[in-house]
Protein backbone atom coordinates (compact mmCIF):
# COMPACT_ATOMS: atom_id res chain seq x y z
CA THR A 1 106.25 92.79 134.87
CA GLN A 2 104.13 89.82 136.04
CA ARG A 3 101.52 90.15 138.95
CA GLY A 4 103.72 87.86 141.06
CA GLU A 5 106.79 89.81 140.48
CA LEU A 6 105.53 93.30 141.67
CA ARG A 7 107.79 94.76 144.65
CA THR A 8 106.21 93.89 147.86
CA SER A 9 109.03 94.52 150.32
CA SER A 10 107.99 97.89 151.92
CA VAL A 11 111.09 98.00 153.93
CA LEU A 12 113.08 99.28 151.11
CA LEU A 13 110.44 101.87 150.13
CA ASP A 14 109.49 105.12 151.42
CA GLY A 15 105.78 106.20 151.51
CA ASP A 16 105.59 107.46 147.96
CA ASP A 17 106.97 104.19 146.57
CA ILE A 18 104.36 102.28 148.46
CA GLU A 19 101.67 104.31 147.16
CA GLU A 20 102.80 104.40 143.64
CA ASP A 21 103.31 100.41 143.87
CA ALA A 22 99.76 100.09 145.02
CA GLN A 23 98.48 102.32 142.17
CA ASN A 24 100.47 100.23 139.61
CA SER A 25 99.02 96.88 141.16
CA ALA A 26 95.60 98.42 140.89
CA ASP A 27 95.82 99.49 137.36
CA TYR A 28 97.53 95.97 136.38
CA ASP A 29 94.46 94.61 134.53
CA LYS A 30 92.28 98.16 134.28
CA TYR A 31 91.88 99.71 130.89
CA PRO A 32 92.80 103.46 130.87
CA ALA A 33 89.52 105.52 130.70
CA SER A 34 90.77 107.36 128.10
CA VAL A 35 91.00 104.57 125.58
CA LYS A 36 87.16 104.98 124.86
CA PHE A 37 87.59 108.39 123.44
CA ILE A 38 90.10 106.89 120.87
CA LEU A 39 88.04 103.81 120.17
CA LEU A 40 84.77 105.72 119.46
CA ASN A 41 86.65 108.27 117.63
CA GLU A 42 88.11 105.21 115.60
CA ILE A 43 84.63 103.69 114.74
CA CYS A 44 83.44 107.02 113.57
CA GLU A 45 86.48 107.79 111.39
CA ARG A 46 86.40 104.42 109.92
CA PHE A 47 82.91 104.76 108.80
CA SER A 48 83.75 107.79 106.88
CA TYR A 49 86.83 106.31 105.26
CA TYR A 50 85.21 103.07 104.21
CA GLY A 51 82.12 104.70 103.57
CA LEU A 52 83.46 106.75 100.66
CA LYS A 53 85.88 103.97 99.53
CA THR A 54 83.14 101.56 99.43
CA ILE A 55 80.97 103.54 96.77
CA LEU A 56 84.07 105.35 95.12
CA ALA A 57 84.71 102.81 92.36
CA LEU A 58 81.36 102.87 91.00
CA TYR A 59 81.10 106.77 91.73
CA LEU A 60 83.96 106.97 89.10
CA THR A 61 82.50 104.71 86.59
CA ASP A 62 78.73 105.19 86.76
CA TYR A 63 78.55 109.31 87.89
CA LEU A 64 82.02 110.51 86.44
CA LEU A 65 82.13 108.01 83.44
CA PHE A 66 85.59 106.73 84.00
CA SER A 67 86.22 102.97 82.67
CA GLU A 68 86.71 100.05 85.01
CA ASN A 69 90.02 100.03 84.41
CA GLN A 70 90.69 103.88 85.12
CA SER A 71 88.66 103.51 88.01
CA THR A 72 90.67 100.78 89.71
CA VAL A 73 93.81 103.01 88.81
CA ILE A 74 92.24 105.94 90.60
CA VAL A 75 90.84 104.28 93.57
CA HIS A 76 94.27 102.55 94.07
CA VAL A 77 96.27 105.70 93.68
CA PHE A 78 94.01 107.18 96.42
CA ILE A 79 94.63 104.38 98.79
CA MET A 80 98.47 104.87 97.75
CA ALA A 81 98.47 108.62 98.47
CA ALA A 82 96.31 107.98 101.64
CA TYR A 83 98.99 105.61 102.99
CA THR A 84 102.00 107.35 101.68
CA THR A 85 101.38 110.35 103.70
CA THR A 86 101.69 108.40 107.15
CA LEU A 87 105.37 109.37 106.76
CA LEU A 88 104.53 112.94 107.12
CA GLY A 89 101.84 112.34 109.92
CA GLY A 90 104.52 110.19 111.67
CA TYR A 91 107.14 112.79 111.44
CA ILE A 92 104.83 115.59 112.44
CA SER A 93 103.86 113.80 115.42
CA ASP A 94 107.18 112.81 116.58
CA ALA A 95 109.01 115.78 115.90
CA ILE A 96 106.61 118.71 116.23
CA LEU A 97 103.32 118.61 117.46
CA GLY A 98 103.08 115.30 119.30
CA LYS A 99 100.38 112.56 118.87
CA TYR A 100 97.37 114.69 120.25
CA ARG A 101 97.73 117.61 118.55
CA THR A 102 98.79 115.76 115.25
CA ILE A 103 95.07 113.65 115.36
CA LEU A 104 93.41 116.91 116.17
CA TYR A 105 94.63 119.42 113.52
CA VAL A 106 94.93 116.71 110.76
CA SER A 107 91.36 115.63 111.54
CA LEU A 108 90.14 119.11 110.35
CA VAL A 109 91.83 118.64 107.10
CA TYR A 110 90.51 115.16 106.80
CA SER A 111 86.92 116.69 107.42
CA LEU A 112 87.20 119.39 104.82
CA GLY A 113 88.20 117.17 102.30
CA SER A 114 85.23 114.94 102.89
CA ILE A 115 82.82 117.82 102.72
CA VAL A 116 84.34 119.02 99.38
CA LEU A 117 83.74 115.48 98.04
CA ALA A 118 80.06 115.57 99.48
CA VAL A 119 79.40 118.93 97.81
CA THR A 120 80.90 118.59 94.59
CA ALA A 121 78.76 115.41 94.13
CA ILE A 122 75.69 117.45 93.85
CA PRO A 123 74.14 116.87 90.46
CA GLY A 124 75.06 120.26 88.39
CA PHE A 125 77.70 121.71 90.95
CA THR A 126 80.77 120.66 88.70
CA SER A 127 78.92 120.31 85.06
CA VAL A 128 79.69 122.94 82.65
CA GLY A 129 77.06 123.55 79.95
CA GLY A 130 74.66 120.45 80.84
CA GLY A 131 77.58 118.06 80.32
CA PRO A 132 78.71 115.35 82.70
CA PRO A 133 80.19 116.19 86.06
CA HIS A 134 83.95 117.36 86.12
CA TRP A 135 86.41 115.49 88.10
CA TRP A 136 87.99 118.42 89.81
CA GLY A 137 85.87 118.40 92.80
CA MET A 138 86.71 114.69 93.51
CA THR A 139 90.55 115.26 92.90
CA LEU A 140 90.38 118.14 95.45
CA GLY A 141 88.36 115.96 97.97
CA LEU A 142 90.42 112.94 97.67
CA VAL A 143 93.77 114.86 98.13
CA LEU A 144 92.32 116.60 101.28
CA ILE A 145 91.11 113.17 102.51
CA ALA A 146 94.52 111.36 101.52
CA LEU A 147 96.24 113.89 103.65
CA GLY A 148 94.07 113.57 106.49
CA THR A 149 93.58 109.88 106.99
CA GLY A 150 97.25 109.21 106.18
CA GLY A 151 98.38 112.11 108.74
CA ILE A 152 96.49 110.36 111.39
CA LYS A 153 96.69 106.59 110.49
CA PRO A 154 100.30 105.82 112.34
CA VAL A 155 99.44 108.20 115.17
CA VAL A 156 95.83 106.95 116.42
CA SER A 157 97.38 103.38 117.08
CA ALA A 158 100.55 104.64 118.82
CA PHE A 159 98.57 107.12 120.73
CA LEU A 160 96.35 104.31 121.94
CA GLY A 161 99.34 102.10 122.94
CA ASP A 162 100.69 105.37 124.86
CA GLN A 163 97.89 105.22 127.23
CA PHE A 164 99.21 102.09 129.04
CA LYS A 165 101.95 101.71 131.43
CA PRO A 166 104.81 99.60 131.25
CA GLN A 167 103.24 96.99 133.70
CA GLN A 168 100.17 96.70 131.44
CA ALA A 169 101.99 95.51 128.30
CA HIS A 170 100.00 92.25 128.65
CA LEU A 171 96.92 94.17 127.96
CA LEU A 172 98.29 95.48 124.46
CA THR A 173 97.33 92.30 122.66
CA THR A 174 93.80 92.51 123.57
CA ILE A 175 93.41 96.38 123.25
CA PHE A 176 94.75 96.12 119.41
CA HIS A 177 92.32 93.44 118.89
CA ILE A 178 89.75 95.60 120.18
CA PHE A 179 90.93 98.54 118.28
CA TYR A 180 90.78 96.41 114.89
CA PHE A 181 87.22 95.32 115.99
CA CYS A 182 86.29 98.85 116.13
CA ILE A 183 87.68 99.56 112.78
CA ASN A 184 85.65 96.84 111.34
CA PHE A 185 82.50 97.77 113.39
CA GLY A 186 82.58 101.09 111.60
CA SER A 187 83.45 99.84 108.17
CA VAL A 188 80.55 97.15 108.22
CA LEU A 189 78.03 99.83 108.87
CA SER A 190 79.22 102.10 106.33
CA SER A 191 79.67 99.27 103.70
CA LEU A 192 76.07 98.69 103.90
CA ILE A 193 74.68 102.11 104.36
CA THR A 194 76.36 104.46 102.00
CA PRO A 195 75.89 101.85 98.77
CA ALA A 196 71.90 101.96 99.91
CA LEU A 197 72.33 105.84 100.18
CA ARG A 198 73.83 105.96 96.49
CA THR A 199 71.35 104.02 95.01
CA TYR A 200 68.03 104.94 96.40
CA VAL A 201 69.01 108.75 97.36
CA ALA A 202 72.21 110.27 95.73
CA TYR A 203 76.17 110.29 95.95
CA SER A 204 75.95 113.59 97.38
CA VAL A 205 74.16 112.09 100.55
CA ALA A 206 76.21 108.85 100.25
CA PHE A 207 79.43 111.04 100.76
CA GLY A 208 77.69 113.51 103.14
CA LEU A 209 77.05 110.67 105.83
CA PRO A 210 80.70 109.88 106.15
CA ALA A 211 81.69 113.80 106.28
CA VAL A 212 79.14 114.14 109.17
CA LEU A 213 80.44 111.21 111.08
CA LEU A 214 84.02 112.46 110.54
CA LEU A 215 83.12 115.60 112.26
CA VAL A 216 81.65 113.87 115.12
CA ALA A 217 84.77 111.43 115.47
CA THR A 218 86.67 114.75 115.74
CA ALA A 219 84.50 116.15 118.54
CA ILE A 220 84.67 112.83 120.42
CA PHE A 221 88.38 112.79 120.46
CA TRP A 222 88.50 116.46 121.86
CA LEU A 223 86.19 115.68 124.25
CA GLY A 224 88.84 113.24 125.87
CA ARG A 225 91.50 115.60 126.02
CA SER A 226 91.54 115.85 129.96
CA GLN A 227 92.06 112.26 130.24
CA TYR A 228 94.91 111.25 127.74
CA THR A 229 98.31 110.46 128.76
CA ILE A 230 100.43 112.75 126.31
CA THR A 231 103.72 111.87 125.57
CA PRO A 232 105.77 115.11 124.28
CA PRO A 233 107.38 115.22 120.95
CA SER A 234 110.65 113.56 121.11
CA GLY A 235 112.32 115.76 118.48
CA ALA A 236 113.33 115.42 114.91
CA VAL A 237 114.01 111.78 114.83
CA LEU A 238 113.73 111.19 111.25
CA PRO A 239 116.62 113.60 110.36
CA THR A 240 118.93 111.94 112.92
CA ALA A 241 117.86 108.35 111.83
CA ILE A 242 118.80 109.75 108.06
CA LYS A 243 122.11 111.02 109.43
CA VAL A 244 122.98 107.51 111.20
CA ILE A 245 121.98 105.70 107.99
CA ARG A 246 124.39 108.01 105.69
CA ILE A 247 127.43 107.95 107.92
CA GLY A 248 126.89 103.96 108.25
CA VAL A 249 126.77 103.66 104.30
CA VAL A 250 129.70 106.06 103.79
CA SER A 251 131.76 104.09 106.29
CA ARG A 252 130.85 100.65 105.00
CA CYS A 253 131.84 102.05 101.26
CA GLN A 254 134.91 103.22 102.40
CA TYR A 255 135.73 99.90 104.06
CA VAL A 256 134.94 97.98 100.96
CA TRP A 257 136.87 100.12 98.94
CA GLY A 258 139.86 99.86 101.07
CA TYR A 259 139.53 96.00 101.11
CA LEU A 260 139.47 96.22 97.58
CA ARG A 261 142.88 97.98 97.58
CA GLY A 262 144.46 95.66 100.03
CA SER A 263 143.55 97.20 103.55
CA ARG A 264 142.55 94.66 106.14
CA SER A 265 141.41 96.95 108.94
CA PRO A 266 138.48 95.30 111.06
CA PRO A 267 135.07 96.49 109.97
CA PRO A 268 132.83 97.85 112.52
CA ILE A 269 130.82 95.31 114.60
CA HIS A 270 127.49 96.64 113.16
CA TRP A 271 127.83 99.12 110.09
CA LEU A 272 125.73 101.75 112.15
CA ASP A 273 128.16 102.08 114.63
CA ALA A 274 130.36 104.07 112.37
CA ALA A 275 127.94 106.87 113.52
CA GLY A 276 129.48 106.76 116.97
CA GLY A 277 130.89 110.10 118.05
CA HIS A 278 128.31 111.93 115.71
CA VAL A 279 125.27 110.98 117.23
CA PRO A 280 124.28 109.46 120.74
CA GLN A 281 124.64 105.80 121.39
CA GLU A 282 120.95 105.53 122.41
CA ARG A 283 119.77 106.95 119.14
CA ILE A 284 122.01 104.69 117.20
CA ALA A 285 120.48 101.67 119.14
CA ASP A 286 117.01 103.08 118.23
CA VAL A 287 117.98 103.42 114.43
CA LYS A 288 119.05 99.65 114.58
CA ALA A 289 116.07 98.60 116.10
CA THR A 290 113.89 100.35 113.76
CA LEU A 291 115.62 99.14 110.63
CA SER A 292 115.19 95.72 111.95
CA VAL A 293 111.34 96.05 112.34
CA LEU A 294 111.15 97.72 109.12
CA PHE A 295 113.16 95.01 106.87
CA LEU A 296 110.38 92.55 108.21
CA PHE A 297 107.74 94.67 106.43
CA PHE A 298 109.79 94.33 102.89
CA PRO A 299 107.42 91.41 101.59
CA LEU A 300 104.13 92.82 102.90
CA PRO A 301 103.09 95.17 100.43
CA LEU A 302 102.05 92.09 98.29
CA PHE A 303 99.33 91.47 100.95
CA TRP A 304 97.85 94.96 100.56
CA SER A 305 98.02 94.70 96.77
CA LEU A 306 95.48 91.59 97.17
CA PHE A 307 93.67 92.87 100.25
CA ASP A 308 92.50 96.24 98.68
CA GLN A 309 90.98 94.98 95.53
CA HIS A 310 88.22 93.56 97.48
CA SER A 311 86.69 97.27 97.17
CA SER A 312 87.80 97.37 93.57
CA ARG A 313 88.18 94.26 91.17
CA TRP A 314 85.90 92.34 93.31
CA VAL A 315 83.26 94.93 93.33
CA PHE A 316 83.25 94.61 89.43
CA GLN A 317 83.32 91.10 89.53
CA ALA A 318 80.30 91.08 91.97
CA ARG A 319 78.61 93.43 89.46
CA ALA A 320 78.51 90.33 86.83
CA MET A 321 77.10 88.19 89.08
CA ASP A 322 73.54 87.27 90.40
CA ARG A 323 72.97 89.48 93.36
CA HIS A 324 69.33 88.45 94.16
CA VAL A 325 69.16 87.98 97.79
CA THR A 326 65.43 87.11 97.34
CA PRO A 327 63.19 87.00 94.01
CA SER A 328 62.27 90.47 94.65
CA TYR A 329 65.55 92.11 96.29
CA GLN A 330 68.80 92.58 94.41
CA MET A 331 71.81 93.73 96.75
CA GLU A 332 74.13 96.17 95.58
CA PRO A 333 77.77 95.01 94.09
CA ASP A 334 79.51 97.47 96.40
CA GLN A 335 77.63 96.08 99.35
CA MET A 336 79.38 92.60 99.24
CA VAL A 337 82.43 94.74 100.49
CA ALA A 338 80.78 94.62 103.79
CA LEU A 339 81.31 90.99 104.25
CA ASN A 340 84.94 91.26 104.85
CA PRO A 341 84.58 93.58 108.15
CA LEU A 342 81.43 92.04 109.07
CA LEU A 343 83.30 88.45 109.04
CA VAL A 344 86.24 90.13 111.10
CA LEU A 345 83.58 91.18 113.63
CA PHE A 346 82.97 87.54 114.51
CA MET A 347 86.26 86.11 113.72
CA VAL A 348 88.37 88.46 115.95
CA PRO A 349 86.88 87.08 119.08
CA LEU A 350 87.31 83.50 117.60
CA PHE A 351 90.96 83.98 116.99
CA ASP A 352 91.89 85.94 120.18
CA ARG A 353 89.70 83.96 122.78
CA GLY A 354 89.17 80.79 120.85
CA ILE A 355 92.06 79.45 118.36
CA TYR A 356 95.15 81.43 119.89
CA LYS A 357 94.37 80.30 123.48
CA ALA A 358 93.21 76.51 122.43
CA LEU A 359 96.77 76.47 120.54
CA ALA A 360 98.57 78.37 123.89
CA LYS A 361 96.94 75.50 126.19
CA MET A 362 98.51 72.77 123.67
CA GLY A 363 101.95 74.42 123.86
CA ARG A 364 101.49 75.08 120.32
CA SER A 365 101.20 79.20 120.39
CA PRO A 366 102.46 80.35 117.08
CA THR A 367 104.98 83.36 117.36
CA PRO A 368 103.71 86.62 115.93
CA LEU A 369 105.88 86.26 112.72
CA GLN A 370 104.49 82.60 112.27
CA ARG A 371 100.89 83.91 112.43
CA MET A 372 101.36 86.67 109.88
CA SER A 373 103.38 83.88 107.66
CA ILE A 374 100.25 81.53 107.89
CA GLY A 375 98.01 84.34 107.07
CA MET A 376 99.83 85.37 103.94
CA LEU A 377 99.49 81.98 102.65
CA ILE A 378 95.80 81.78 103.27
CA THR A 379 95.73 85.13 101.55
CA THR A 380 97.42 83.55 98.33
CA PHE A 381 94.46 81.06 98.50
CA SER A 382 91.60 83.93 98.40
CA PHE A 383 93.25 85.02 94.97
CA VAL A 384 93.10 81.37 93.71
CA ALA A 385 89.38 81.12 94.73
CA ALA A 386 88.82 84.62 93.17
CA GLY A 387 90.60 83.32 89.95
CA LEU A 388 88.32 80.09 89.62
CA LEU A 389 85.07 81.90 90.13
CA GLN A 390 85.91 84.16 87.44
CA LEU A 391 86.53 81.34 85.04
CA VAL A 392 83.28 79.97 86.07
CA LEU A 393 81.50 83.28 85.87
CA ASP A 394 83.03 84.08 82.09
CA GLN A 395 80.99 80.92 81.02
CA SER A 396 77.79 81.70 82.90
CA THR A 397 76.17 83.58 85.47
CA VAL A 398 76.25 82.58 89.18
CA SER A 399 75.15 84.04 92.43
CA VAL A 400 77.35 86.48 94.29
CA PHE A 401 77.43 84.42 97.04
CA TRP A 402 80.07 82.27 95.66
CA GLN A 403 82.24 85.01 96.50
CA VAL A 404 81.84 84.21 100.36
CA PRO A 405 84.85 81.40 100.22
CA GLN A 406 87.30 84.28 99.04
CA PHE A 407 86.06 86.77 101.18
CA LEU A 408 86.44 84.04 104.33
CA LEU A 409 90.01 83.14 103.45
CA LEU A 410 90.81 86.96 102.75
CA THR A 411 89.42 87.80 106.26
CA CYS A 412 91.26 85.02 107.73
CA GLY A 413 94.61 86.04 106.27
CA GLU A 414 93.89 89.84 107.19
CA ILE A 415 93.26 88.80 110.92
CA MET A 416 96.65 86.99 111.06
CA VAL A 417 98.65 89.46 109.11
CA SER A 418 97.31 92.97 109.67
CA ILE A 419 96.28 92.84 113.42
CA THR A 420 99.50 90.94 114.41
CA GLY A 421 101.64 93.50 112.21
CA LEU A 422 100.06 96.46 113.91
CA GLU A 423 100.70 94.92 117.35
CA LEU A 424 104.33 93.94 116.20
CA ALA A 425 105.14 97.16 114.83
CA TYR A 426 104.13 99.04 118.07
CA THR A 427 105.85 96.56 120.48
CA GLN A 428 109.13 96.34 118.56
CA ALA A 429 109.75 99.79 117.84
CA PRO A 430 111.89 101.78 119.99
CA ALA A 431 110.13 104.59 122.08
CA SER A 432 111.54 107.41 120.32
CA MET A 433 110.42 106.24 116.85
CA LYS A 434 106.80 104.24 117.43
CA SER A 435 105.15 106.82 115.20
CA LEU A 436 107.85 106.45 112.41
CA VAL A 437 107.51 102.72 112.27
CA MET A 438 103.96 102.68 112.32
CA ALA A 439 104.02 104.80 109.52
CA GLY A 440 106.53 102.52 107.88
CA TRP A 441 103.80 99.67 108.47
CA GLN A 442 101.02 101.86 106.97
CA LEU A 443 103.45 102.58 103.76
CA THR A 444 103.35 99.23 102.87
CA VAL A 445 100.01 99.48 101.93
CA ALA A 446 100.80 102.47 99.57
CA VAL A 447 103.40 100.46 97.85
CA GLY A 448 101.34 97.37 97.47
CA ASN A 449 98.48 99.60 95.97
CA LEU A 450 101.10 100.98 93.45
CA LEU A 451 101.38 97.66 92.45
CA VAL A 452 97.80 97.30 91.56
CA VAL A 453 97.85 100.46 89.59
CA VAL A 454 100.72 99.07 87.30
CA VAL A 455 99.25 95.57 86.79
CA ALA A 456 95.83 97.11 85.87
CA GLU A 457 97.45 99.17 83.17
CA SER A 458 99.36 96.61 81.93
CA GLY A 459 96.36 95.00 80.55
CA PHE A 460 95.77 91.08 81.11
CA GLU A 461 93.58 89.86 78.23
CA LYS A 462 91.27 87.86 80.99
CA GLN A 463 90.36 89.06 84.64
CA TYR A 464 91.19 85.39 85.70
CA GLN A 465 94.81 85.82 84.46
CA GLU A 466 95.40 88.75 86.84
CA PHE A 467 93.58 87.13 89.96
CA PHE A 468 96.48 84.01 89.28
CA PHE A 469 99.05 86.54 88.67
CA PHE A 470 98.58 88.07 92.01
CA ALA A 471 98.00 84.74 93.76
CA GLY A 472 101.56 83.65 92.49
CA LEU A 473 103.32 86.87 93.52
CA MET A 474 101.63 86.45 97.19
CA LEU A 475 102.97 82.83 97.29
CA LEU A 476 106.58 84.06 96.38
CA SER A 477 106.26 86.96 98.75
CA THR A 478 105.23 84.66 101.53
CA LEU A 479 108.16 82.32 101.28
CA VAL A 480 110.77 85.73 101.16
CA PHE A 481 108.78 86.87 104.41
CA VAL A 482 109.27 83.24 105.97
CA VAL A 483 113.25 83.32 105.19
CA ILE A 484 113.23 87.03 106.59
CA ALA A 485 111.39 86.28 109.80
CA ARG A 486 113.38 83.33 110.76
CA GLN A 487 116.44 85.66 111.11
CA TYR A 488 114.76 88.10 113.33
CA LYS A 489 115.09 88.56 116.96
CA TYR A 490 112.29 89.68 119.16
CA VAL A 491 112.62 92.61 121.61
CA THR A 492 110.90 90.71 124.41
CA ALA A 493 111.57 92.94 127.39
CA ALA A 494 111.95 96.76 127.68
CA LYS A 495 114.60 98.37 129.25
CA GLU A 496 113.88 100.74 131.98
CA ASP A 497 115.37 103.90 129.95
CA GLU A 498 113.22 102.99 126.78
CA TYR A 499 110.29 104.30 128.47
CA GLN A 500 109.82 108.08 128.45
CA THR A 501 108.44 109.97 131.08
CA LEU A 502 104.60 109.89 130.57
CA VAL A 503 103.38 113.65 131.26
CA HIS A 504 99.64 114.83 131.32
CA SER A 505 99.95 118.26 129.58
CA PRO A 506 97.97 120.90 131.29
CA SER A 507 97.47 122.88 128.30
CA ILE A 508 95.99 121.01 125.33
CA ALA A 509 94.26 122.74 122.82
């Protein structure tokens, strides 16, 4: 609802309606007070996650004595697990606990994993007979962290969106940009601090600080409990969705079989309509909308395959380069990872307040899917740049600052793909399946990291060959995405009955 479209005819309204409309008008451009707790929680939680992820590759090679290929595989298996468990988090949130309790309880598991990782990194804690450290502590810690971070990932962003009323939908684009800014603010701090702690103090302290920040994040989130808008769990939507799809697939197979045998009975208008009579029509409509959004995500794993290598392959590339900032100071290779979130902090306002607004004034504002298509293409060029740099690096030593162009291209791609996709996943998802759709968005990250594991194990002879291989796959994926995006129809306006009644729970744990 636009400002000028707010109801003003008091003749048709009773006193309560007038008061409600006045409140809605006052809240039109006002951010809910509860969002500050969510945003502060996100800064601390992302500090924790990116802090440990930044130093993980070198921890595996330098401390636990894995090879570079083995370390690359472990890092990306961890990321894959962290994003696969988003399905579990989305299911628990939508069907059982609701978003608030899911975030709170799963954060405790997350904290436990961070503590285990820090404690078992203490020299001698896992060593046997004076030998090298054992990997069991790292494994247990990363498993718990993957369950924790994956369990809350799709829920936090959906919970943030739930704090806004329907008439505040115009604020969602900006709040998701602010949300992403907070993610990268925590990331840039941790990407600079934890490598320094790793070098000058100890790995146990470098992992310990993220563990402390995670406990702080959980406490901040709990403190906002009285101000949150709580949407109750909508029930077990995943089993219902599976039932609708199963009935639809069986019905379509029966139709095809009958057609082959000579039957000419007309098929259902939509293959999922066969579930009518078994499932309420509103649930069938929700599944249709959900599958339409999820189908858009099909080519996106390739983007994450490239993006997440900035904390693995690009770190190893940086280690082979001249890292001197001054003649007397040499930066750590994993500190280059901080360049990505640092660029995001500067470029998010540039895109949101500068580029996008300028294009809108010119009447050339790109649609969300057009933004994502352009971002994927730009990401392709980031790996072309990485491959060209590797060719030069194989011949001579060059400054690590030659990585800046590839980081700049990757960051531009990230802003156009990741932020836009996050908003798209929330706004296009039906109300009953928002956490599930957000989990599907996060699952693309898991699939992308699985691809990195497969390619890393295949063993390219030269690293530049692997970089160019990924660039080629990204270009192909971009073309597929463009074709799919051209067929998509946006959900431009929410129906009144799609908004669930927002209730404030008086008995939040």
